[in-house]
C-alpha cells in the first residue's frame, strides 16, 4: 500500500537555486571545519526550518551527515519527526543511509546539486528511492547549482591531497 502525496506547489528555478545557495553556505561551514563539504536545508511552506552540514568527524558521530543533521533540526523545530510536505535541499546526492532517512521522515521532495558517482543512492551507484518496497515516494530534482556544488567538493579534496603530499615530502628521508 503506497502513501500518496499531494503535489507540492511548483517551485521556480530561482527558488530552488536560492535554497540550494543556503545549502552551499552550510557546505562552506563543513569545509571550514575540515569536514567533507556537504550542506543541507529543509524547507516547508517557503521557509527554512532546518539546517545542517557534514560533521561526523567533529561530532564523533558516523550518522552526522548533512541531511541527517538538517532533518533532525527541522523535526525539532516543528515538533514532529514526520516532515510531510517538506523539501530537502542538499549539495550532493544522498547516500543509502540518508536516502532511507528521507523515506522515514516523509520528505516530499529532494533537490540535490551534484551527483556522487561512488556512493550516490538516488541515481548514481543505486536508485534506492525507486524500489517498490518503500511505502513513500519522493519527488526529486538533481543538478541544481551542480557546478557550484561540485566545485566546493573538488576544492576541498584538492586541498586535502596537497596537504597530504606536503606531509609526505616533509617526512621523507633526505636523499644524498
C-alpha atoms as a PDB file:
ATOM      1  CA  UNK A   1       0.000   0.000   0.000  1.00  0.00           C
ATOM      2  CA  UNK A   2       1.647   3.205  -1.189  1.00  0.00           C
ATOM      3  CA  UNK A   3       1.291   6.514   0.587  1.00  0.00           C
ATOM      4  CA  UNK A   4       0.071   9.177  -1.840  1.00  0.00           C
ATOM      5  CA  UNK A   5       1.463  12.671  -1.583  1.00  0.00           C
ATOM      6  CA  UNK A   6      -0.403  15.787  -2.516  1.00  0.00           C
ATOM      7  CA  UNK A   7       1.639  17.504  -5.207  1.00  0.00           C
ATOM      8  CA  UNK A   8       3.728  20.384  -3.915  1.00  0.00           C
ATOM      9  CA  UNK A   9       3.137  23.889  -5.163  1.00  0.00           C
ATOM     10  CA  UNK A  10       5.579  24.106  -8.066  1.00  0.00           C
ATOM     11  CA  UNK A  11       8.768  25.926  -7.189  1.00  0.00           C
ATOM     12  CA  UNK A  12      10.543  28.157  -9.606  1.00  0.00           C
ATOM     13  CA  UNK A  13      14.086  27.591 -10.752  1.00  0.00           C
ATOM     14  CA  UNK A  14      15.141  30.714  -8.867  1.00  0.00           C
ATOM     15  CA  UNK A  15      13.547  29.445  -5.616  1.00  0.00           C
ATOM     16  CA  UNK A  16      15.386  26.138  -5.974  1.00  0.00           C
ATOM     17  CA  UNK A  17      18.625  27.991  -6.636  1.00  0.00           C
ATOM     18  CA  UNK A  18      18.140  30.294  -3.636  1.00  0.00           C
ATOM     19  CA  UNK A  19      17.559  27.369  -1.280  1.00  0.00           C
ATOM     20  CA  UNK A  20      20.484  25.457  -2.810  1.00  0.00           C
ATOM     21  CA  UNK A  21      22.621  28.544  -2.176  1.00  0.00           C
ATOM     22  CA  UNK A  22      21.632  28.270   1.501  1.00  0.00           C
ATOM     23  CA  UNK A  23      22.718  24.610   1.412  1.00  0.00           C
ATOM     24  CA  UNK A  24      26.041  25.704  -0.132  1.00  0.00           C
ATOM     25  CA  UNK A  25      26.522  28.096   2.785  1.00  0.00           C
ATOM     26  CA  UNK A  26      26.127  25.119   5.098  1.00  0.00           C
ATOM     27  CA  UNK A  27      28.652  23.170   2.989  1.00  0.00           C
ATOM     28  CA  UNK A  28      31.121  26.026   3.465  1.00  0.00           C
ATOM     29  CA  UNK A  29      30.762  25.608   7.245  1.00  0.00           C
ATOM     30  CA  UNK A  30      31.693  21.930   6.848  1.00  0.00           C
ATOM     31  CA  UNK A  31      34.665  22.911   4.671  1.00  0.00           C
ATOM     32  CA  UNK A  32      35.900  25.348   7.312  1.00  0.00           C
ATOM     33  CA  UNK A  33      35.563  22.644   9.983  1.00  0.00           C
ATOM     34  CA  UNK A  34      37.665  20.220   7.932  1.00  0.00           C
ATOM     35  CA  UNK A  35      34.676  18.031   7.111  1.00  0.00           C
ATOM     36  CA  UNK A  36      33.660  16.886   3.630  1.00  0.00           C
ATOM     37  CA  UNK A  37      31.724  19.960   2.420  1.00  0.00           C
ATOM     38  CA  UNK A  38      28.142  18.821   2.129  1.00  0.00           C
ATOM     39  CA  UNK A  39      25.343  21.106   3.275  1.00  0.00           C
ATOM     40  CA  UNK A  40      21.583  20.769   3.538  1.00  0.00           C
ATOM     41  CA  UNK A  41      18.479  22.784   4.360  1.00  0.00           C
ATOM     42  CA  UNK A  42      14.887  21.684   4.900  1.00  0.00           C
ATOM     43  CA  UNK A  43      12.170  23.945   3.543  1.00  0.00           C
ATOM     44  CA  UNK A  44       8.475  23.935   4.434  1.00  0.00           C
ATOM     45  CA  UNK A  45       5.967  26.461   3.117  1.00  0.00           C
ATOM     46  CA  UNK A  46       8.758  28.538   1.598  1.00  0.00           C
ATOM     47  CA  UNK A  47      10.752  28.845   4.841  1.00  0.00           C
ATOM     48  CA  UNK A  48      13.924  27.109   6.003  1.00  0.00           C
ATOM     49  CA  UNK A  49      13.024  25.032   9.048  1.00  0.00           C
ATOM     50  CA  UNK A  50      16.248  23.047   9.406  1.00  0.00           C
ATOM     51  CA  UNK A  51      19.929  23.387   8.515  1.00  0.00           C
ATOM     52  CA  UNK A  52      22.889  21.070   8.656  1.00  0.00           C
ATOM     53  CA  UNK A  53      26.332  20.287   7.365  1.00  0.00           C
ATOM     54  CA  UNK A  54      28.546  17.228   7.451  1.00  0.00           C
ATOM     55  CA  UNK A  55      30.085  16.741  10.885  1.00  0.00           C
ATOM     56  CA  UNK A  56      30.814  13.067  11.553  1.00  0.00           C
ATOM     57  CA  UNK A  57      34.461  13.765  12.427  1.00  0.00           C
ATOM     58  CA  UNK A  58      33.935  16.740  14.736  1.00  0.00           C
ATOM     59  CA  UNK A  59      30.862  15.243  16.429  1.00  0.00           C
ATOM     60  CA  UNK A  60      32.292  11.703  16.584  1.00  0.00           C
ATOM     61  CA  UNK A  61      29.019  10.527  15.032  1.00  0.00           C
ATOM     62  CA  UNK A  62      29.140   8.448  11.842  1.00  0.00           C
ATOM     63  CA  UNK A  63      25.497   9.324  11.145  1.00  0.00           C
ATOM     64  CA  UNK A  64      26.081  13.100  11.239  1.00  0.00           C
ATOM     65  CA  UNK A  65      25.725  13.610   7.516  1.00  0.00           C
ATOM     66  CA  UNK A  66      24.376  16.990   6.391  1.00  0.00           C
ATOM     67  CA  UNK A  67      20.962  15.508   5.603  1.00  0.00           C
ATOM     68  CA  UNK A  68      20.692  13.820   9.000  1.00  0.00           C
ATOM     69  CA  UNK A  69      21.673  16.985  10.866  1.00  0.00           C
ATOM     70  CA  UNK A  70      19.244  19.153   8.845  1.00  0.00           C
ATOM     71  CA  UNK A  71      16.332  16.717   9.232  1.00  0.00           C
ATOM     72  CA  UNK A  72      16.903  16.406  12.979  1.00  0.00           C
ATOM     73  CA  UNK A  73      16.964  20.208  13.244  1.00  0.00           C
ATOM     74  CA  UNK A  74      13.758  20.526  11.212  1.00  0.00           C
ATOM     75  CA  UNK A  75      11.946  17.851  13.229  1.00  0.00           C
ATOM     76  CA  UNK A  76      12.875  19.599  16.488  1.00  0.00           C
ATOM     77  CA  UNK A  77      11.793  22.959  15.097  1.00  0.00           C
ATOM     78  CA  UNK A  78       8.325  21.779  14.057  1.00  0.00           C
ATOM     79  CA  UNK A  79       7.869  19.280  16.882  1.00  0.00           C
ATOM     80  CA  UNK A  80       7.278  16.281  14.613  1.00  0.00           C
ATOM     81  CA  UNK A  81       9.526  13.576  13.203  1.00  0.00           C
ATOM     82  CA  UNK A  82       7.367  13.434  10.088  1.00  0.00           C
ATOM     83  CA  UNK A  83       8.321  16.225   7.708  1.00  0.00           C
ATOM     84  CA  UNK A  84       5.346  15.834   5.406  1.00  0.00           C
ATOM     85  CA  UNK A  85       5.259  18.457   2.669  1.00  0.00           C
ATOM     86  CA  UNK A  86       8.888  19.498   3.202  1.00  0.00           C
ATOM     87  CA  UNK A  87      11.698  19.703   0.659  1.00  0.00           C
ATOM     88  CA  UNK A  88      15.303  18.796   1.410  1.00  0.00           C
ATOM     89  CA  UNK A  89      17.973  20.726  -0.500  1.00  0.00           C
ATOM     90  CA  UNK A  90      21.391  19.071  -0.319  1.00  0.00           C
ATOM     91  CA  UNK A  91      24.554  19.881  -2.218  1.00  0.00           C
ATOM     92  CA  UNK A  92      25.445  16.255  -3.028  1.00  0.00           C
ATOM     93  CA  UNK A  93      23.301  13.256  -3.975  1.00  0.00           C
ATOM     94  CA  UNK A  94      22.377  11.356  -0.781  1.00  0.00           C
ATOM     95  CA  UNK A  95      23.942   8.046   0.260  1.00  0.00           C
ATOM     96  CA  UNK A  96      21.956   4.929   1.176  1.00  0.00           C
ATOM     97  CA  UNK A  97      21.639   5.891   4.859  1.00  0.00           C
ATOM     98  CA  UNK A  98      20.338   9.350   4.047  1.00  0.00           C
ATOM     99  CA  UNK A  99      18.023   8.089   1.314  1.00  0.00           C
ATOM    100  CA  UNK A 100      16.396   5.752   3.831  1.00  0.00           C
ATOM    101  CA  UNK A 101      16.110   8.646   6.256  1.00  0.00           C
ATOM    102  CA  UNK A 102      14.252  10.680   3.631  1.00  0.00           C
ATOM    103  CA  UNK A 103      11.675   7.912   3.302  1.00  0.00           C
ATOM    104  CA  UNK A 104      11.250   7.517   7.067  1.00  0.00           C
ATOM    105  CA  UNK A 105      10.923  11.260   7.650  1.00  0.00           C
ATOM    106  CA  UNK A 106       8.368  11.534   4.813  1.00  0.00           C
ATOM    107  CA  UNK A 107      10.230  14.257   2.937  1.00  0.00           C
ATOM    108  CA  UNK A 108       8.093  15.087  -0.062  1.00  0.00           C
ATOM    109  CA  UNK A 109      10.751  16.462  -2.375  1.00  0.00           C
ATOM    110  CA  UNK A 110      14.514  16.077  -2.696  1.00  0.00           C
ATOM    111  CA  UNK A 111      16.617  18.625  -4.576  1.00  0.00           C
ATOM    112  CA  UNK A 112      20.339  17.959  -4.878  1.00  0.00           C
ATOM    113  CA  UNK A 113      23.221  19.700  -6.546  1.00  0.00           C
ATOM    114  CA  UNK A 114      25.792  17.266  -7.849  1.00  0.00           C
ATOM    115  CA  UNK A 115      25.802  13.523  -8.205  1.00  0.00           C
ATOM    116  CA  UNK A 116      28.040  11.232  -6.141  1.00  0.00           C
ATOM    117  CA  UNK A 117      29.331   8.578  -8.561  1.00  0.00           C
ATOM    118  CA  UNK A 118      30.781   6.255  -5.895  1.00  0.00           C
ATOM    119  CA  UNK A 119      28.053   6.239  -3.244  1.00  0.00           C
ATOM    120  CA  UNK A 120      25.062   8.183  -4.555  1.00  0.00           C
ATOM    121  CA  UNK A 121      21.882   6.240  -3.839  1.00  0.00           C
ATOM    122  CA  UNK A 122      19.399   8.256  -5.899  1.00  0.00           C
ATOM    123  CA  UNK A 123      20.761   7.889  -9.433  1.00  0.00           C
ATOM    124  CA  UNK A 124      24.489   7.108  -9.435  1.00  0.00           C
ATOM    125  CA  UNK A 125      25.511   3.894  -7.669  1.00  0.00           C
ATOM    126  CA  UNK A 126      21.953   2.703  -6.997  1.00  0.00           C
ATOM    127  CA  UNK A 127      18.430   4.028  -7.493  1.00  0.00           C
ATOM    128  CA  UNK A 128      17.291   3.258  -3.967  1.00  0.00           C
ATOM    129  CA  UNK A 129      14.289   5.591  -3.902  1.00  0.00           C
ATOM    130  CA  UNK A 130      12.777   3.758  -6.886  1.00  0.00           C
ATOM    131  CA  UNK A 131      12.497   0.462  -5.010  1.00  0.00           C
ATOM    132  CA  UNK A 132       8.917  -0.854  -4.818  1.00  0.00           C
ATOM    133  CA  UNK A 133       9.120  -1.943  -1.170  1.00  0.00           C
ATOM    134  CA  UNK A 134       9.088   1.619   0.198  1.00  0.00           C
ATOM    135  CA  UNK A 135       5.729   2.927   1.413  1.00  0.00           C
ATOM    136  CA  UNK A 136       6.573   6.520   0.478  1.00  0.00           C
ATOM    137  CA  UNK A 137       7.638   8.161  -2.757  1.00  0.00           C
ATOM    138  CA  UNK A 138       9.768  11.265  -3.062  1.00  0.00           C
ATOM    139  CA  UNK A 139       9.776  13.797  -5.870  1.00  0.00           C
ATOM    140  CA  UNK A 140      13.338  14.551  -6.963  1.00  0.00           C
ATOM    141  CA  UNK A 141      15.335  17.092  -8.922  1.00  0.00           C
ATOM    142  CA  UNK A 142      19.074  16.898  -9.449  1.00  0.00           C
ATOM    143  CA  UNK A 143      21.612  19.254 -10.935  1.00  0.00           C
ATOM    144  CA  UNK A 144      20.581  22.472  -9.176  1.00  0.00           C
ATOM    145  CA  UNK A 145      23.734  24.641  -8.971  1.00  0.00           C
ATOM    146  CA  UNK A 146      25.651  21.486  -9.868  1.00  0.00           C
ATOM    147  CA  UNK A 147      28.822  23.345 -10.869  1.00  0.00           C
ATOM    148  CA  UNK A 148      28.995  25.242  -7.590  1.00  0.00           C
ATOM    149  CA  UNK A 149      28.256  22.106  -5.555  1.00  0.00           C
ATOM    150  CA  UNK A 150      30.879  20.132  -7.440  1.00  0.00           C
ATOM    151  CA  UNK A 151      33.445  22.954  -7.194  1.00  0.00           C
ATOM    152  CA  UNK A 152      33.438  23.096  -3.384  1.00  0.00           C
ATOM    153  CA  UNK A 153      33.951  19.332  -3.231  1.00  0.00           C
ATOM    154  CA  UNK A 154      36.787  19.475  -5.783  1.00  0.00           C
ATOM    155  CA  UNK A 155      38.486  22.327  -3.939  1.00  0.00           C
ATOM    156  CA  UNK A 156      38.239  20.500  -0.611  1.00  0.00           C
ATOM    157  CA  UNK A 157      39.755  17.284  -1.932  1.00  0.00           C
ATOM    158  CA  UNK A 158      42.454  19.148  -3.902  1.00  0.00           C
ATOM    159  CA  UNK A 159      43.500  20.920  -0.695  1.00  0.00           C
ATOM    160  CA  UNK A 160      43.450  17.638   1.190  1.00  0.00           C
ATOM    161  CA  UNK A 161      45.627  15.914  -1.445  1.00  0.00           C
ATOM    162  CA  UNK A 162      48.078  18.844  -1.457  1.00  0.00           C
ATOM    163  CA  UNK A 163      48.367  18.756   2.345  1.00  0.00           C
ATOM    164  CA  UNK A 164      48.961  15.009   2.253  1.00  0.00           C
ATOM    165  CA  UNK A 165      51.656  15.478  -0.392  1.00  0.00           C
ATOM    166  CA  UNK A 166      53.371  18.202   1.669  1.00  0.00           C
ATOM    167  CA  UNK A 167      53.310  15.961   4.728  1.00  0.00           C
ATOM    168  CA  UNK A 168      54.763  13.073   2.754  1.00  0.00           C
ATOM    169  CA  UNK A 169      57.553  15.283   1.384  1.00  0.00           C
ATOM    170  CA  UNK A 170      58.276  16.664   4.836  1.00  0.00           C
ATOM    171  CA  UNK A 171      58.621  13.211   6.399  1.00  0.00           C
ATOM    172  CA  UNK A 172      60.507  11.585   3.501  1.00  0.00           C
ATOM    173  CA  UNK A 173      64.135  10.753   4.254  1.00  0.00           C
ATOM    174  CA  UNK A 174      66.627  13.194   2.726  1.00  0.00           C
ATOM    175  CA  UNK A 175      68.482  11.876  -0.323  1.00  0.00           C
ATOM    176  CA  UNK A 176      72.189  12.379  -0.714  1.00  0.00           C
END
